[in-house]
Amino acid sequence: MRELSTQQQQVYQALREQLISGRFSPGTSVSLRGLSKSMGVGLMPVREAITRLGGERALEVRRNGRVCIPELTHRRFEELMQARLQLEPLCASRALPYVTLETISVMEACDSRMNQSYGAKDADTYMRENYQFHFELYRAGGSEVLVALLESIWMQFGPFMRSVYEMNETTTIVDKHQMTLEAIRRGDAEALCVAIKADILDAIHLLKQTLGKDTL
């Protein structure tokens, strides 16, 4: 049983990372047998991980057993973005007193790798480093409840942002990470909240611009 539990956790973590990085496209089906084969595990840990992710609304488990990546509706988009705008500045400001030089160094390295990914059109690196940049900060404060909520939101948001990234030239994606880092270095909580909100608002604008008002 312990081995099965470990496998389930490993499958869950792997799928969670793939959702956050947008490896699955919105609306596509997820094959349990395909996941089982690609991960080298049995169907049971895959089913358990899928059930868990369905409970977090990162996956849609339908009555007929089909598993899909949720479509982005106007209501879902508004709820996800409002949740990010409310929770991320709060989590960042709570973390600020606990940020260390090591935290800043890791965030700077993430931002540098993101910048390098722009010209290379490397979506995997962009999505991964963007997530790590934000959550290196958010986890610094030890806010387990807020971080867990935000990870769930990012799992739901990842597939849509990946679609937008791949539909745009990378040079059109402008981040506010330098603003964030400067605010952290100054210990300025208000400026940090402004930078985090600006980053999220940029994502909202890009999504609406790319996917169109009819979609959202």
Protein backbone atom coordinates (compact mmCIF):
# COMPACT_ATOMS: atom_id res chain seq x y z
CA MET A 1 0.00 0.00 0.00
CA ARG A 2 2.86 2.37 0.78
CA GLU A 3 4.34 1.79 -2.69
CA LEU A 4 0.96 2.49 -4.30
CA SER A 5 0.61 5.68 -2.25
CA THR A 6 4.09 6.79 -3.31
CA GLN A 7 3.31 6.12 -6.96
CA GLN A 8 0.05 8.04 -6.69
CA GLN A 9 1.91 11.03 -5.23
CA GLN A 10 4.54 10.85 -7.96
CA VAL A 11 1.89 10.72 -10.69
CA TYR A 12 0.02 13.59 -9.05
CA GLN A 13 3.16 15.74 -8.88
CA ALA A 14 4.09 14.96 -12.49
CA LEU A 15 0.60 15.82 -13.78
CA ARG A 16 0.45 18.91 -11.62
CA GLU A 17 3.71 20.19 -13.13
CA GLN A 18 2.47 19.43 -16.64
CA LEU A 19 -0.76 21.34 -16.00
CA ILE A 20 1.06 24.36 -14.57
CA SER A 21 3.44 24.41 -17.54
CA GLY A 22 0.52 24.03 -19.96
CA ARG A 23 1.57 20.71 -21.47
CA PHE A 24 -2.12 19.88 -22.02
CA SER A 25 -4.25 22.02 -24.34
CA PRO A 26 -7.67 23.29 -23.16
CA GLY A 27 -10.50 20.96 -24.11
CA THR A 28 -8.32 17.95 -24.91
CA SER A 29 -8.97 14.49 -23.50
CA VAL A 30 -6.55 12.80 -21.14
CA SER A 31 -6.02 9.06 -21.59
CA LEU A 32 -5.55 7.16 -18.34
CA ARG A 33 -3.99 4.23 -20.18
CA GLY A 34 -1.70 6.59 -22.07
CA LEU A 35 -0.56 8.22 -18.84
CA SER A 36 -0.10 4.82 -17.21
CA LYS A 37 2.10 3.67 -20.09
CA SER A 38 4.15 6.87 -20.37
CA MET A 39 4.81 7.00 -16.62
CA GLY A 40 5.46 3.30 -16.21
CA VAL A 41 2.87 2.79 -13.47
CA GLY A 42 -0.41 0.91 -13.12
CA LEU A 43 -3.85 2.38 -13.70
CA MET A 44 -4.69 2.64 -9.99
CA PRO A 45 -2.23 5.43 -9.07
CA VAL A 46 -3.19 7.29 -12.26
CA ARG A 47 -6.90 7.10 -11.37
CA GLU A 48 -6.21 8.30 -7.83
CA ALA A 49 -4.15 11.24 -9.10
CA ILE A 50 -6.82 12.13 -11.68
CA THR A 51 -9.52 12.05 -9.00
CA ARG A 52 -7.45 14.35 -6.81
CA LEU A 53 -6.83 16.80 -9.65
CA GLY A 54 -10.51 16.68 -10.55
CA GLY A 55 -11.33 17.70 -7.00
CA GLU A 56 -9.01 20.67 -7.43
CA ARG A 57 -10.82 21.57 -10.68
CA ALA A 58 -7.61 21.27 -12.68
CA LEU A 59 -9.21 18.41 -14.64
CA GLU A 60 -12.80 17.74 -15.62
CA VAL A 61 -13.94 14.20 -14.87
CA ARG A 62 -17.22 13.59 -16.69
CA ARG A 63 -19.97 11.13 -15.79
CA ASN A 64 -19.00 8.79 -18.61
CA GLY A 65 -15.48 8.58 -17.16
CA ARG A 66 -13.89 10.80 -19.78
CA VAL A 67 -11.18 13.10 -18.43
CA CYS A 68 -10.61 16.48 -20.10
CA ILE A 69 -8.72 19.72 -19.66
CA PRO A 70 -11.41 22.33 -18.89
CA GLU A 71 -12.36 24.85 -21.56
CA LEU A 72 -11.86 28.53 -20.76
CA THR A 73 -15.27 30.16 -20.40
CA HIS A 74 -15.83 33.84 -19.66
CA ARG A 75 -16.99 33.06 -16.12
CA ARG A 76 -14.05 30.74 -15.42
CA PHE A 77 -11.61 33.31 -16.78
CA GLU A 78 -13.02 36.09 -14.59
CA GLU A 79 -13.00 33.91 -11.47
CA LEU A 80 -9.42 32.73 -11.99
CA MET A 81 -8.13 36.23 -12.67
CA GLN A 82 -9.96 37.79 -9.73
CA ALA A 83 -8.61 35.06 -7.47
CA ARG A 84 -5.08 35.76 -8.67
CA LEU A 85 -5.48 39.52 -8.24
CA GLN A 86 -6.72 39.08 -4.68
CA LEU A 87 -4.49 36.28 -3.43
CA GLU A 88 -1.10 36.76 -5.09
CA PRO A 89 -0.37 40.30 -3.83
CA LEU A 90 -1.48 39.17 -0.36
CA CYS A 91 0.76 36.11 -0.43
CA ALA A 92 3.70 38.16 -1.75
CA SER A 93 3.37 40.87 0.91
CA ARG A 94 3.14 38.26 3.68
CA ALA A 95 6.28 36.58 2.32
CA LEU A 96 8.34 39.77 1.99
CA PRO A 97 9.71 39.88 5.58
CA TYR A 98 11.02 36.33 5.16
CA VAL A 99 12.74 36.77 1.79
CA THR A 100 16.47 36.04 1.94
CA LEU A 101 19.34 36.83 -0.38
CA GLU A 102 19.13 33.22 -1.54
CA THR A 103 15.45 33.70 -2.42
CA ILE A 104 16.31 36.77 -4.49
CA SER A 105 19.18 34.93 -6.19
CA VAL A 106 16.89 32.06 -7.21
CA MET A 107 14.27 34.51 -8.53
CA GLU A 108 16.90 36.42 -10.52
CA ALA A 109 18.10 33.16 -12.08
CA CYS A 110 14.52 32.23 -13.01
CA ASP A 111 13.96 35.62 -14.63
CA SER A 112 17.23 35.34 -16.55
CA ARG A 113 16.25 31.94 -17.94
CA MET A 114 12.84 33.35 -18.87
CA ASN A 115 14.49 36.17 -20.79
CA GLN A 116 16.65 33.69 -22.66
CA SER A 117 13.56 31.66 -23.56
CA TYR A 118 11.95 34.64 -25.34
CA GLY A 119 14.28 34.63 -28.32
CA ALA A 120 14.45 30.85 -28.42
CA LYS A 121 10.64 30.53 -28.39
CA ASP A 122 11.03 27.92 -25.68
CA ALA A 123 7.56 27.64 -24.16
CA ASP A 124 8.52 24.90 -21.70
CA THR A 125 11.26 27.01 -20.15
CA TYR A 126 9.13 30.14 -20.10
CA MET A 127 6.23 28.47 -18.31
CA ARG A 128 8.42 26.56 -15.85
CA GLU A 129 10.60 29.51 -14.88
CA ASN A 130 7.65 31.89 -14.60
CA TYR A 131 6.00 29.52 -12.13
CA GLN A 132 9.21 29.05 -10.15
CA PHE A 133 9.84 32.80 -10.04
CA HIS A 134 6.46 33.49 -8.44
CA PHE A 135 6.32 30.54 -6.09
CA GLU A 136 9.87 30.96 -4.83
CA LEU A 137 8.54 34.24 -3.42
CA TYR A 138 5.15 32.96 -2.27
CA ARG A 139 6.60 29.97 -0.40
CA ALA A 140 9.11 32.15 1.45
CA GLY A 141 6.42 33.27 3.89
CA GLY A 142 5.34 29.76 4.83
CA SER A 143 1.68 30.49 4.01
CA GLU A 144 0.66 26.90 3.32
CA VAL A 145 -3.05 27.63 2.77
CA LEU A 146 -2.47 30.53 0.37
CA VAL A 147 0.23 28.69 -1.56
CA ALA A 148 -1.97 25.60 -1.95
CA LEU A 149 -4.84 27.75 -3.23
CA LEU A 150 -2.57 29.53 -5.70
CA GLU A 151 -1.09 26.29 -6.98
CA SER A 152 -4.61 25.04 -7.69
CA ILE A 153 -5.38 28.26 -9.56
CA TRP A 154 -2.16 28.04 -11.58
CA MET A 155 -2.97 24.43 -12.55
CA GLN A 156 -6.26 25.67 -13.99
CA PHE A 157 -4.63 28.69 -15.62
CA GLY A 158 -1.53 27.03 -17.13
CA PRO A 159 -3.10 25.43 -20.23
CA PHE A 160 -4.64 28.74 -21.32
CA MET A 161 -1.49 30.80 -20.82
CA ARG A 162 0.53 28.22 -22.75
CA SER A 163 -1.92 28.52 -25.65
CA VAL A 164 -1.51 32.30 -25.64
CA TYR A 165 2.28 32.04 -25.46
CA GLU A 166 2.40 29.78 -28.51
CA MET A 167 0.04 32.04 -30.49
CA ASN A 168 2.19 35.13 -29.93
CA GLU A 169 5.70 36.17 -30.81
CA THR A 170 7.66 35.81 -27.60
CA THR A 171 8.79 39.44 -27.75
CA THR A 172 5.20 40.60 -27.15
CA ILE A 173 5.14 39.03 -23.69
CA VAL A 174 6.34 41.65 -21.24
CA ASP A 175 6.81 40.65 -17.61
CA LYS A 176 7.00 42.80 -14.51
CA HIS A 177 9.61 40.68 -12.79
CA GLN A 178 12.21 43.43 -12.56
CA MET A 179 9.66 45.65 -10.81
CA THR A 180 8.99 42.78 -8.43
CA LEU A 181 12.68 42.24 -7.68
CA GLU A 182 13.33 45.94 -7.14
CA ALA A 183 10.43 46.18 -4.68
CA ILE A 184 11.75 43.15 -2.79
CA ARG A 185 15.26 44.60 -2.55
CA ARG A 186 13.80 47.82 -1.10
CA GLY A 187 11.53 45.92 1.26
CA ASP A 188 8.61 47.90 -0.20
CA ALA A 189 5.42 45.85 0.32
CA GLU A 190 3.18 48.36 -1.45
CA ALA A 191 5.38 48.47 -4.55
CA LEU A 192 5.59 44.68 -4.51
CA CYS A 193 1.79 44.38 -4.57
CA VAL A 194 1.65 46.87 -7.45
CA ALA A 195 4.22 44.85 -9.43
CA ILE A 196 2.44 41.54 -8.85
CA LYS A 197 -0.92 43.02 -9.87
CA ALA A 198 0.65 44.60 -12.97
CA ASP A 199 2.07 41.22 -13.99
CA ILE A 200 -1.35 39.58 -13.65
CA LEU A 201 -3.09 42.42 -15.51
CA ASP A 202 -0.61 41.99 -18.37
CA ALA A 203 -1.60 38.32 -18.56
CA ILE A 204 -5.29 39.26 -18.59
CA HIS A 205 -4.74 41.76 -21.39
CA LEU A 206 -2.72 39.27 -23.42
CA LEU A 207 -5.34 36.55 -23.02
CA LYS A 208 -8.15 38.85 -24.10
CA GLN A 209 -6.13 40.24 -26.99
CA THR A 210 -5.12 36.81 -28.28
CA LEU A 211 -8.22 34.71 -27.64
CA GLY A 212 -10.68 37.49 -28.38
CA LYS A 213 -13.68 38.87 -26.53
CA ASP A 214 -15.98 36.26 -28.05
CA THR A 215 -14.00 33.50 -26.35
CA LEU A 216 -13.71 35.27 -23.01
